[in-house]
Amino acid sequence: MSPKLVVRVCCLMFVGLVSGCASYVTPGHGADLATLKQSDAGLQEVMARKPLATFPCAIAVVRLQAPGYRSQTAESFGSGRYSVVTTRDVETTEQIERLTKLPQVQGLAPVNRLLLPERLDSEQDLRRAAAQLHADMLLVYTLDTTFYVDDGLKAASVVTLGLSPHEKARVATTASAVLFDTRNGYVYGVAEASARHEQFTNAWDSEHAIDSARLMTEADAFGKLVDELEKTWKLVLAQYSTPTGSRMIYETR
């Protein structure tokens, strides 16, 4: 082997090692909405809850993620069983307006971190914040995103850059939502939607490229979630809507 060829091979090996060392750490997962239930509430108590909201109603909105969630476009607040994301990085203004313009909705109010305690353990903490906004209902949603690489399609929490350019990489997001009564935690309805995106890994040549794929998939999933929420709201109105009357004030538990 000629000296020039040896130098060329060594350079290629070095570039491969450097690119192989670069990696993208995926953001935290979505919040487990099942953990929002009150641990001290028995089955009979849950079944005995009644819807207390009157229509038209105001709705407080909050996005939850797993504790310690952090991405290139958003950072969460709070410790405990879940954290809150107040930055809208995948939600568009048009999508929020669609929810605001639903029939019998007075308006949507985002839950600000100033209204929340540092430790977040149940939906009570969120309902208290919604009560301060004088919202009749609380809409909670979360985005759970997972990365897969064609190595047996195993989920990856760290995506390595520059390796296996002929493999396919996939991103999957599930968006879930629950609509609570602010006063007692009664559940009016749920909604869920999913989105997937795939491409060859040679397109993922930087952390920015990978994160762009995440954002695109999450935006798609949230858009589909809005569609499902519109359907859920129609069912809520059909079952719970009553003629507008005087409102009674209930103490939040």
Protein backbone atom coordinates (compact mmCIF):
# COMPACT_ATOMS: atom_id res chain seq x y z
CA MET A 1 0.00 0.00 0.00
CA SER A 2 1.41 3.36 -1.01
CA PRO A 3 2.08 6.04 1.65
CA LYS A 4 -0.57 8.33 0.13
CA LEU A 5 -3.19 5.59 0.29
CA VAL A 6 -2.28 4.84 3.92
CA VAL A 7 -2.73 8.50 4.83
CA ARG A 8 -6.09 8.62 3.02
CA VAL A 9 -7.39 5.51 4.83
CA CYS A 10 -6.27 6.84 8.21
CA CYS A 11 -8.03 10.15 7.54
CA LEU A 12 -11.26 8.37 6.60
CA MET A 13 -11.07 6.25 9.75
CA PHE A 14 -10.56 9.36 11.88
CA VAL A 15 -13.52 11.15 10.30
CA GLY A 16 -15.68 8.07 10.88
CA LEU A 17 -14.69 7.90 14.54
CA VAL A 18 -15.39 11.60 15.08
CA SER A 19 -18.80 11.43 13.38
CA GLY A 20 -19.65 8.26 15.25
CA CYS A 21 -18.98 9.92 18.59
CA ALA A 22 -21.52 12.68 17.93
CA SER A 23 -24.95 11.88 19.29
CA TYR A 24 -28.38 13.37 19.93
CA VAL A 25 -30.00 12.78 23.31
CA THR A 26 -33.75 12.50 22.89
CA PRO A 27 -36.01 14.68 25.07
CA GLY A 28 -37.91 13.15 27.98
CA HIS A 29 -41.09 11.20 27.38
CA GLY A 30 -44.65 12.34 27.78
CA ALA A 31 -46.26 12.55 31.20
CA ASP A 32 -48.10 9.49 32.47
CA LEU A 33 -51.59 10.98 32.68
CA ALA A 34 -52.66 8.05 34.86
CA THR A 35 -50.54 9.50 37.66
CA LEU A 36 -52.80 12.57 37.77
CA LYS A 37 -55.52 10.67 39.62
CA GLN A 38 -55.76 11.34 43.34
CA SER A 39 -54.24 8.46 45.28
CA ASP A 40 -56.60 8.99 48.22
CA ALA A 41 -59.74 8.81 46.10
CA GLY A 42 -61.54 5.49 46.26
CA LEU A 43 -63.60 4.00 43.45
CA GLN A 44 -66.90 5.04 45.04
CA GLU A 45 -65.74 8.63 45.43
CA VAL A 46 -64.62 8.78 41.80
CA MET A 47 -67.92 7.32 40.57
CA ALA A 48 -69.90 9.75 42.75
CA ARG A 49 -68.38 12.85 41.15
CA LYS A 50 -70.77 14.92 39.08
CA PRO A 51 -70.09 17.44 36.31
CA LEU A 52 -70.24 20.95 37.76
CA ALA A 53 -69.26 23.18 34.84
CA THR A 54 -71.82 25.45 33.23
CA PHE A 55 -71.89 26.52 29.59
CA PRO A 56 -70.53 28.55 27.97
CA CYS A 57 -67.32 27.79 29.85
CA ALA A 58 -63.72 28.90 30.05
CA ILE A 59 -61.01 26.25 29.70
CA ALA A 60 -57.50 26.32 31.17
CA VAL A 61 -54.88 24.51 29.08
CA VAL A 62 -51.59 22.96 30.16
CA ARG A 63 -49.00 20.68 28.55
CA LEU A 64 -47.36 18.06 30.74
CA GLN A 65 -44.20 16.04 30.16
CA ALA A 66 -42.12 13.60 32.18
CA PRO A 67 -40.01 15.06 35.03
CA GLY A 68 -36.88 16.80 33.80
CA TYR A 69 -38.10 17.13 30.20
CA ARG A 70 -35.83 19.26 28.03
CA SER A 71 -35.53 19.69 24.27
CA GLN A 72 -33.80 22.13 21.93
CA THR A 73 -36.99 24.19 21.74
CA ALA A 74 -38.59 23.84 25.19
CA GLU A 75 -37.73 23.29 28.83
CA SER A 76 -40.08 22.07 31.53
CA PHE A 77 -40.87 23.46 34.97
CA GLY A 78 -41.53 21.64 38.23
CA SER A 79 -40.49 18.44 39.96
CA GLY A 80 -42.51 15.46 41.13
CA ARG A 81 -44.49 13.01 39.02
CA TYR A 82 -44.59 15.31 36.01
CA SER A 83 -43.41 18.69 34.74
CA VAL A 84 -45.11 21.52 32.84
CA VAL A 85 -44.05 22.98 29.48
CA THR A 86 -45.25 26.53 28.87
CA THR A 87 -43.42 27.09 25.56
CA ARG A 88 -45.49 26.43 22.45
CA ASP A 89 -42.99 24.88 20.06
CA VAL A 90 -45.26 22.56 18.04
CA GLU A 91 -48.68 24.14 18.62
CA THR A 92 -49.69 26.72 16.02
CA THR A 93 -51.79 29.82 16.57
CA GLU A 94 -54.37 28.51 14.11
CA GLN A 95 -54.78 25.26 16.07
CA ILE A 96 -55.26 27.11 19.35
CA GLU A 97 -57.81 29.39 17.69
CA ARG A 98 -59.73 26.34 16.46
CA LEU A 99 -60.12 25.20 20.05
CA THR A 100 -60.99 28.70 21.21
CA LYS A 101 -63.77 28.95 18.61
CA LEU A 102 -65.46 25.70 19.63
CA PRO A 103 -69.14 26.23 20.45
CA GLN A 104 -69.93 27.11 24.06
CA VAL A 105 -66.27 27.94 24.80
CA GLN A 106 -65.67 31.41 26.26
CA GLY A 107 -61.93 31.17 25.83
CA LEU A 108 -58.71 29.23 26.46
CA ALA A 109 -56.33 30.30 29.22
CA PRO A 110 -52.78 28.89 29.34
CA VAL A 111 -51.60 27.82 32.80
CA ASN A 112 -48.60 29.97 33.75
CA ARG A 113 -45.77 28.58 35.88
CA LEU A 114 -46.36 31.43 38.36
CA LEU A 115 -49.63 29.75 39.31
CA LEU A 116 -48.02 26.37 40.01
CA PRO A 117 -46.13 24.94 42.99
CA GLU A 118 -42.58 23.69 42.49
CA ARG A 119 -43.58 20.09 43.18
CA LEU A 120 -46.30 18.63 40.95
CA ASP A 121 -47.88 15.32 41.95
CA SER A 122 -51.57 15.24 41.01
CA GLU A 123 -54.25 16.94 38.98
CA GLN A 124 -55.19 18.89 42.11
CA ASP A 125 -52.14 21.12 41.62
CA LEU A 126 -53.28 21.88 38.09
CA ARG A 127 -56.93 22.39 39.03
CA ARG A 128 -55.94 24.95 41.66
CA ALA A 129 -54.10 26.89 38.96
CA ALA A 130 -57.14 26.62 36.66
CA ALA A 131 -59.37 27.88 39.50
CA GLN A 132 -57.18 30.98 39.83
CA LEU A 133 -57.87 31.61 36.14
CA HIS A 134 -61.63 31.19 36.82
CA ALA A 135 -61.73 28.35 34.30
CA ASP A 136 -64.57 25.85 34.50
CA MET A 137 -62.56 23.07 32.85
CA LEU A 138 -58.93 22.01 32.58
CA LEU A 139 -57.49 20.54 29.37
CA VAL A 140 -54.31 18.56 30.00
CA TYR A 141 -52.25 17.13 27.14
CA THR A 142 -48.86 15.50 26.63
CA LEU A 143 -46.62 14.45 23.73
CA ASP A 144 -44.74 11.15 23.95
CA THR A 145 -42.06 10.84 21.26
CA THR A 146 -39.86 7.81 20.61
CA PHE A 147 -36.97 7.34 18.16
CA TYR A 148 -36.36 4.02 16.39
CA VAL A 149 -33.48 2.81 14.25
CA ASP A 150 -33.66 -0.25 11.98
CA ASP A 151 -31.74 -2.41 14.44
CA GLY A 152 -34.64 -4.67 15.26
CA LEU A 153 -36.69 -1.44 15.51
CA LYS A 154 -35.56 -0.90 19.08
CA ALA A 155 -36.38 2.38 20.75
CA ALA A 156 -33.33 4.62 21.17
CA SER A 157 -32.82 7.27 23.84
CA VAL A 158 -29.52 8.32 22.22
CA VAL A 159 -29.29 8.60 18.43
CA THR A 160 -25.74 8.34 17.04
CA LEU A 161 -24.84 10.53 14.08
CA GLY A 162 -22.82 9.50 11.05
CA LEU A 163 -23.24 5.72 11.33
CA SER A 164 -25.19 3.20 9.22
CA PRO A 165 -26.32 5.66 6.52
CA HIS A 166 -28.45 3.01 4.77
CA GLU A 167 -30.62 2.25 7.79
CA LYS A 168 -34.01 3.82 8.25
CA ALA A 169 -34.71 5.96 11.28
CA ARG A 170 -38.24 6.49 12.54
CA VAL A 171 -39.89 8.96 14.88
CA ALA A 172 -43.27 8.21 16.47
CA THR A 173 -45.34 10.59 18.60
CA THR A 174 -48.51 9.92 20.55
CA ALA A 175 -50.45 12.97 21.71
CA SER A 176 -52.92 12.39 24.55
CA ALA A 177 -55.38 14.70 26.30
CA VAL A 178 -57.83 14.63 29.22
CA LEU A 179 -60.58 17.17 29.93
CA PHE A 180 -61.20 17.67 33.70
CA ASP A 181 -63.78 19.59 35.70
CA THR A 182 -61.84 22.27 37.59
CA ARG A 183 -63.95 22.00 40.72
CA ASN A 184 -63.85 18.26 41.47
CA GLY A 185 -61.72 16.51 38.84
CA TYR A 186 -64.63 14.91 36.98
CA VAL A 187 -63.42 13.62 33.60
CA TYR A 188 -65.53 14.84 30.67
CA GLY A 189 -63.59 13.10 27.94
CA VAL A 190 -60.27 12.00 26.50
CA ALA A 191 -58.59 12.19 23.10
CA GLU A 192 -55.52 10.64 21.49
CA ALA A 193 -53.72 10.80 18.15
CA SER A 194 -50.45 9.51 16.69
CA ALA A 195 -48.04 10.47 13.92
CA ARG A 196 -44.97 8.81 12.39
CA HIS A 197 -42.09 9.98 10.26
CA GLU A 198 -39.23 7.99 8.74
CA GLN A 199 -36.14 8.65 6.62
CA PHE A 200 -32.69 7.22 5.99
CA THR A 201 -30.23 8.02 8.75
CA ASN A 202 -27.82 9.73 6.35
CA ALA A 203 -30.30 12.62 6.42
CA TRP A 204 -29.65 12.91 10.16
CA ASP A 205 -26.22 14.51 9.87
CA SER A 206 -26.66 16.87 12.82
CA GLU A 207 -28.56 17.27 16.06
CA HIS A 208 -30.58 20.00 14.41
CA ALA A 209 -31.68 17.62 11.63
CA ILE A 210 -32.84 15.02 14.15
CA ASP A 211 -34.64 17.58 16.27
CA SER A 212 -36.36 18.97 13.18
CA ALA A 213 -37.75 15.48 12.53
CA ARG A 214 -39.02 15.41 16.14
CA LEU A 215 -40.70 18.79 15.81
CA MET A 216 -42.34 17.83 12.51
CA THR A 217 -43.72 14.59 13.95
CA GLU A 218 -44.95 16.22 17.16
CA ALA A 219 -46.61 19.03 15.23
CA ASP A 220 -48.38 16.46 13.06
CA ALA A 221 -49.53 14.51 16.13
CA PHE A 222 -50.78 17.65 17.87
CA GLY A 223 -52.69 18.71 14.76
CA LYS A 224 -54.43 15.33 14.73
CA LEU A 225 -55.10 15.68 18.46
CA VAL A 226 -56.92 18.95 17.80
CA ASP A 227 -59.12 17.09 15.30
CA GLU A 228 -59.93 14.48 17.94
CA LEU A 229 -60.60 17.14 20.59
CA GLU A 230 -63.16 18.75 18.31
CA LYS A 231 -64.96 15.40 18.10
CA THR A 232 -64.69 14.91 21.85
CA TRP A 233 -66.11 18.37 22.50
CA LYS A 234 -69.19 17.61 20.39
CA LEU A 235 -69.86 14.59 22.60
CA VAL A 236 -69.31 16.68 25.74
CA LEU A 237 -71.83 19.27 24.58
CA ALA A 238 -74.37 16.62 23.63
CA GLN A 239 -74.16 15.05 27.08
CA TYR A 240 -73.51 17.94 29.46
CA SER A 241 -74.51 21.25 27.89
CA THR A 242 -77.43 23.03 29.55
CA PRO A 243 -79.04 26.42 28.94
CA THR A 244 -76.92 29.28 30.26
CA GLY A 245 -77.87 30.26 33.77
CA SER A 246 -76.42 31.68 36.94
CA ARG A 247 -73.18 30.07 38.06
CA MET A 248 -72.66 28.54 41.44
CA ILE A 249 -69.28 28.77 43.16
CA TYR A 250 -67.77 25.51 44.39
CA GLU A 251 -64.69 25.09 46.51
CA THR A 252 -61.87 23.25 44.73
CA ARG A 253 -60.92 20.13 46.65
